[in-house]
Protein backbone atom coordinates (compact mmCIF):
# COMPACT_ATOMS: atom_id res chain seq x y z
CA MET A 1 -39.47 52.61 63.31
CA ALA A 2 -39.62 48.95 62.34
CA ILE A 3 -42.35 48.26 64.88
CA PHE A 4 -44.46 51.04 63.36
CA HIS A 5 -44.07 49.46 59.91
CA PHE A 6 -44.99 46.04 61.34
CA ILE A 7 -48.12 47.37 63.06
CA THR A 8 -49.17 49.26 59.93
CA PHE A 9 -48.67 46.13 57.82
CA LEU A 10 -50.80 44.05 60.20
CA PHE A 11 -53.50 46.73 60.10
CA ILE A 12 -53.56 46.69 56.27
CA VAL A 13 -53.66 42.88 56.20
CA SER A 14 -56.55 42.91 58.68
CA ILE A 15 -58.50 45.35 56.52
CA VAL A 16 -58.01 43.14 53.46
CA ILE A 17 -59.09 40.01 55.35
CA VAL A 18 -62.20 41.73 56.74
CA PHE A 19 -63.08 43.01 53.26
CA ILE A 20 -62.78 39.52 51.74
CA ILE A 21 -64.86 37.94 54.51
CA GLY A 22 -67.49 40.66 54.10
CA ALA A 23 -67.61 40.07 50.35
CA VAL A 24 -68.04 36.33 50.92
CA PHE A 25 -70.82 36.94 53.44
CA GLY A 26 -72.50 39.32 51.01
CA PHE A 27 -72.26 36.72 48.24
CA ILE A 28 -73.77 34.06 50.51
CA TYR A 29 -76.59 36.42 51.46
CA LYS A 30 -77.37 37.17 47.80
CA LYS A 31 -77.33 33.47 46.89
CA THR A 32 -79.44 32.25 49.81
CA ASN A 33 -81.52 35.41 50.32
CA SER A 34 -81.35 34.59 54.03
CA LEU A 35 -79.64 36.60 56.73
CA TRP A 36 -79.74 33.56 59.01
CA ALA A 37 -77.29 31.70 56.78
CA VAL A 38 -74.81 34.54 57.17
CA ILE A 39 -75.40 34.77 60.92
CA ILE A 40 -74.75 31.04 61.36
CA ILE A 41 -71.61 31.10 59.19
CA HIS A 42 -70.36 34.17 61.05
CA SER A 43 -70.94 32.42 64.38
CA VAL A 44 -69.05 29.33 63.22
CA TYR A 45 -66.24 31.55 61.94
CA ASN A 46 -65.98 33.32 65.31
CA LEU A 47 -66.04 29.97 67.12
CA LEU A 48 -63.21 28.62 64.97
CA LEU A 49 -61.17 31.80 65.54
CA SER A 50 -61.70 31.43 69.29
CA ILE A 51 -60.61 27.80 69.27
CA PHE A 52 -57.56 28.08 67.00
CA ASN A 53 -56.32 31.53 67.90
């Protein structure tokens, strides 16, 4: 039962993190009015996750 709680907690935390990152990307898009800025930042974010994860 504890493992189920742990997995559920990680799932909820992941949803919150993805929501925050999406909000930040949306804010950057509104400020720059450029999808390329968001694409580049997203690529750098994925690169950093690949390196440090």
